[in-house]
C-alpha atoms as a PDB file:
ATOM      1  CA  TYR A   1      22.613 -20.118   0.052  1.00  0.00           C
ATOM      2  CA  ARG A   2      20.955 -17.926  -2.588  1.00  0.00           C
ATOM      3  CA  VAL A   3      24.106 -18.075  -4.714  1.00  0.00           C
ATOM      4  CA  ALA A   4      24.981 -21.732  -4.127  1.00  0.00           C
ATOM      5  CA  VAL A   5      21.601 -23.404  -4.721  1.00  0.00           C
ATOM      6  CA  PRO A   6      21.174 -22.294  -8.370  1.00  0.00           C
ATOM      7  CA  THR A   7      24.694 -23.543  -9.202  1.00  0.00           C
ATOM      8  CA  LYS A   8      24.056 -27.028  -7.742  1.00  0.00           C
ATOM      9  CA  PHE A   9      20.529 -27.671  -9.043  1.00  0.00           C
ATOM     10  CA  ALA A  10      18.642 -27.325 -12.333  1.00  0.00           C
ATOM     11  CA  ALA A  11      16.679 -24.091 -12.903  1.00  0.00           C
ATOM     12  CA  ASN A  12      13.343 -25.926 -12.553  1.00  0.00           C
ATOM     13  CA  ASP A  13      14.340 -27.834  -9.393  1.00  0.00           C
ATOM     14  CA  PRO A  14      11.898 -27.167  -6.502  1.00  0.00           C
ATOM     15  CA  LEU A  15      14.732 -25.848  -4.335  1.00  0.00           C
ATOM     16  CA  VAL A  16      15.608 -23.221  -6.949  1.00  0.00           C
ATOM     17  CA  VAL A  17      12.005 -22.368  -7.810  1.00  0.00           C
ATOM     18  CA  SER A  18      11.125 -21.912  -4.120  1.00  0.00           C
ATOM     19  CA  LEU A  19      13.812 -19.279  -3.514  1.00  0.00           C
ATOM     20  CA  PRO A  20      12.021 -16.034  -2.605  1.00  0.00           C
ATOM     21  CA  LYS A  21      12.508 -13.077  -4.915  1.00  0.00           C
ATOM     22  CA  LEU A  22      14.548 -10.224  -3.506  1.00  0.00           C
ATOM     23  CA  THR A  23      13.319  -7.758  -6.108  1.00  0.00           C
ATOM     24  CA  PRO A  24      10.184  -7.576  -8.275  1.00  0.00           C
ATOM     25  CA  ASP A  25      10.203  -8.928 -11.793  1.00  0.00           C
ATOM     26  CA  ALA A  26      11.135  -6.502 -14.505  1.00  0.00           C
ATOM     27  CA  GLY A  27       8.324  -4.205 -15.505  1.00  0.00           C
ATOM     28  CA  SER A  28       7.217  -0.673 -15.183  1.00  0.00           C
ATOM     29  CA  THR A  29       6.481   0.994 -11.905  1.00  0.00           C
ATOM     30  CA  PRO A  30       2.818   2.033 -11.907  1.00  0.00           C
ATOM     31  CA  ASP A  31       1.782   5.657 -11.785  1.00  0.00           C
ATOM     32  CA  ALA A  32       0.733   6.893  -8.368  1.00  0.00           C
ATOM     33  CA  VAL A  33      -2.890   7.731  -7.652  1.00  0.00           C
ATOM     34  CA  LEU A  34      -4.076  10.985  -6.107  1.00  0.00           C
ATOM     35  CA  ALA A  35      -5.537  10.293  -2.651  1.00  0.00           C
ATOM     36  CA  ASN A  36      -7.773  12.464  -0.466  1.00  0.00           C
ATOM     37  CA  GLY A  37      -8.961  12.111   3.094  1.00  0.00           C
ATOM     38  CA  THR A  38     -11.443  13.636   5.495  1.00  0.00           C
ATOM     39  CA  TRP A  39     -12.847  13.059   8.961  1.00  0.00           C
ATOM     40  CA  ASN A  40     -16.340  11.612   8.568  1.00  0.00           C
ATOM     41  CA  ALA A  41     -18.195  12.786  11.707  1.00  0.00           C
ATOM     42  CA  PRO A  42     -21.355  10.658  11.213  1.00  0.00           C
ATOM     43  CA  THR A  43     -19.312   7.426  11.130  1.00  0.00           C
ATOM     44  CA  SER A  44     -16.548   8.618  13.514  1.00  0.00           C
ATOM     45  CA  GLN A  45     -13.935   7.403  11.047  1.00  0.00           C
ATOM     46  CA  GLY A  46     -11.361   8.841   8.708  1.00  0.00           C
ATOM     47  CA  LYS A  47     -12.292   8.280   5.074  1.00  0.00           C
ATOM     48  CA  LEU A  48      -9.742   7.885   2.274  1.00  0.00           C
ATOM     49  CA  THR A  49     -10.636   8.024  -1.405  1.00  0.00           C
ATOM     50  CA  TRP A  50      -8.412   7.870  -4.482  1.00  0.00           C
ATOM     51  CA  ASP A  51      -8.482   8.198  -8.249  1.00  0.00           C
ATOM     52  CA  GLU A  52      -8.644   5.299 -10.651  1.00  0.00           C
ATOM     53  CA  SER A  53      -5.230   4.011 -11.696  1.00  0.00           C
ATOM     54  CA  THR A  54      -4.120   4.650 -15.274  1.00  0.00           C
ATOM     55  CA  SER A  55      -1.633   1.759 -15.174  1.00  0.00           C
ATOM     56  CA  PRO A  56      -2.918  -1.280 -17.082  1.00  0.00           C
ATOM     57  CA  ASP A  57      -1.407  -4.044 -14.915  1.00  0.00           C
ATOM     58  CA  VAL A  58      -2.589  -2.944 -11.479  1.00  0.00           C
ATOM     59  CA  VAL A  59      -4.069  -5.765  -9.370  1.00  0.00           C
ATOM     60  CA  GLU A  60      -4.737  -4.024  -6.063  1.00  0.00           C
ATOM     61  CA  PHE A  61      -4.426  -0.955  -3.895  1.00  0.00           C
ATOM     62  CA  GLU A  62      -2.855  -1.140  -0.462  1.00  0.00           C
ATOM     63  CA  VAL A  63      -3.718   1.417   2.220  1.00  0.00           C
ATOM     64  CA  ARG A  64      -0.824   2.112   4.576  1.00  0.00           C
ATOM     65  CA  TRP A  65      -0.562   4.167   7.770  1.00  0.00           C
ATOM     66  CA  SER A  66       2.449   5.662   9.475  1.00  0.00           C
ATOM     67  CA  PRO A  67       2.478   6.638  13.168  1.00  0.00           C
ATOM     68  CA  GLY A  68       3.777  10.028  14.188  1.00  0.00           C
ATOM     69  CA  PRO A  69       3.374  13.577  12.941  1.00  0.00           C
ATOM     70  CA  ASP A  70       4.866  12.878   9.481  1.00  0.00           C
ATOM     71  CA  TYR A  71       4.606   9.930   7.102  1.00  0.00           C
ATOM     72  CA  ASP A  72       7.665   7.689   7.415  1.00  0.00           C
ATOM     73  CA  PRO A  73       8.000   4.736   4.988  1.00  0.00           C
ATOM     74  CA  ASP A  74      10.253   2.968   7.512  1.00  0.00           C
ATOM     75  CA  THR A  75       7.410   2.724  10.043  1.00  0.00           C
ATOM     76  CA  GLU A  76       4.428   2.302   7.710  1.00  0.00           C
ATOM     77  CA  VAL A  77       1.899  -0.438   8.401  1.00  0.00           C
ATOM     78  CA  ALA A  78      -0.378  -2.039   5.808  1.00  0.00           C
ATOM     79  CA  LEU A  79      -4.026  -1.695   6.836  1.00  0.00           C
ATOM     80  CA  ALA A  80      -5.958  -3.093   3.869  1.00  0.00           C
ATOM     81  CA  ASN A  81      -5.632  -4.555   0.393  1.00  0.00           C
ATOM     82  CA  ILE A  82      -8.388  -3.566  -1.976  1.00  0.00           C
ATOM     83  CA  PRO A  83      -8.830  -5.227  -5.396  1.00  0.00           C
ATOM     84  CA  VAL A  84      -8.600  -2.941  -8.392  1.00  0.00           C
ATOM     85  CA  THR A  85     -12.269  -3.748  -9.084  1.00  0.00           C
ATOM     86  CA  GLY A  86     -13.313  -2.795  -5.549  1.00  0.00           C
ATOM     87  CA  PRO A  87     -14.484   0.591  -4.303  1.00  0.00           C
ATOM     88  CA  ARG A  88     -11.723   3.203  -4.224  1.00  0.00           C
ATOM     89  CA  GLU A  89     -12.325   4.161  -0.613  1.00  0.00           C
ATOM     90  CA  TYR A  90     -11.359   3.022   2.864  1.00  0.00           C
ATOM     91  CA  SER A  91     -12.606   4.064   6.309  1.00  0.00           C
ATOM     92  CA  THR A  92     -10.593   3.674   9.499  1.00  0.00           C
ATOM     93  CA  THR A  93     -10.037   4.849  13.070  1.00  0.00           C
ATOM     94  CA  GLN A  94      -6.318   3.956  12.934  1.00  0.00           C
ATOM     95  CA  GLY A  95      -4.506   6.585  15.001  1.00  0.00           C
ATOM     96  CA  LEU A  96      -7.721   8.636  15.267  1.00  0.00           C
ATOM     97  CA  LEU A  97      -9.108   7.656  18.658  1.00  0.00           C
ATOM     98  CA  ALA A  98      -9.456  11.074  20.323  1.00  0.00           C
ATOM     99  CA  ILE A  99     -10.430  14.570  19.169  1.00  0.00           C
ATOM    100  CA  GLY A 100      -7.355  16.276  17.749  1.00  0.00           C
ATOM    101  CA  ASP A 101      -5.545  13.045  16.795  1.00  0.00           C
ATOM    102  CA  VAL A 102      -3.776  13.217  13.418  1.00  0.00           C
ATOM    103  CA  SER A 103      -2.881  10.248  11.179  1.00  0.00           C
ATOM    104  CA  ASN A 104      -0.994   9.995   7.896  1.00  0.00           C
ATOM    105  CA  PHE A 105      -1.910   7.580   5.134  1.00  0.00           C
ATOM    106  CA  LYS A 106      -0.831   6.599   1.621  1.00  0.00           C
ATOM    107  CA  VAL A 107      -2.488   4.437  -1.017  1.00  0.00           C
ATOM    108  CA  TYR A 108      -0.083   2.193  -2.910  1.00  0.00           C
ATOM    109  CA  VAL A 109      -0.764   0.990  -6.441  1.00  0.00           C
ATOM    110  CA  LYS A 110       0.487  -2.604  -6.782  1.00  0.00           C
ATOM    111  CA  THR A 111       1.056  -4.677  -9.930  1.00  0.00           C
ATOM    112  CA  ALA A 112       1.079  -8.429 -10.451  1.00  0.00           C
ATOM    113  CA  THR A 113       4.888  -8.311 -10.806  1.00  0.00           C
ATOM    114  CA  GLY A 114       5.315  -6.768  -7.358  1.00  0.00           C
ATOM    115  CA  ASN A 115       6.026  -3.225  -8.489  1.00  0.00           C
ATOM    116  CA  GLU A 116       4.344  -0.485  -6.503  1.00  0.00           C
ATOM    117  CA  ARG A 117       4.133   3.257  -6.049  1.00  0.00           C
ATOM    118  CA  GLY A 118       2.693   5.267  -3.175  1.00  0.00           C
ATOM    119  CA  SER A 119       0.271   8.160  -3.460  1.00  0.00           C
ATOM    120  CA  ASN A 120       0.645  11.555  -1.923  1.00  0.00           C
ATOM    121  CA  THR A 121       0.518  11.611   1.873  1.00  0.00           C
ATOM    122  CA  VAL A 122      -2.989  12.153   3.238  1.00  0.00           C
ATOM    123  CA  LYS A 123      -3.250  13.696   6.705  1.00  0.00           C
ATOM    124  CA  ILE A 124      -6.561  13.248   8.526  1.00  0.00           C
ATOM    125  CA  THR A 125      -7.405  15.044  11.769  1.00  0.00           C
ATOM    126  CA  ARG A 126     -10.180  13.838  14.060  1.00  0.00           C
ATOM    127  CA  THR A 127     -12.503  16.787  14.708  1.00  0.00           C
ATOM    128  CA  THR A 128     -15.385  15.245  16.688  1.00  0.00           C
END
């Protein structure tokens, strides 16, 4: 279908234009940000913070979580999308429901062209 449609219709035909992209448009992959995390006892939530992005075409940050003892990109779940102009922090109880629970997070830098890069893995342990 993806191969046949462009050969049968003009490039600006709605059927061709509506084909979803399988890869992001050409462009540079943004630099990763450095993320940090702590257990915030007064709010009973894990708190993630990250540096400002140095990439000029960043449109948002996406906070992702992975279940299990180690971060696994194959099982990661998007928790929040934060505009580049928003605060560079996110609080959550995801995977942190009982004392001793451990969760792993990453903050992805995303560009308008669909390119992205993940931060370092941040491990937060619930202590109270």
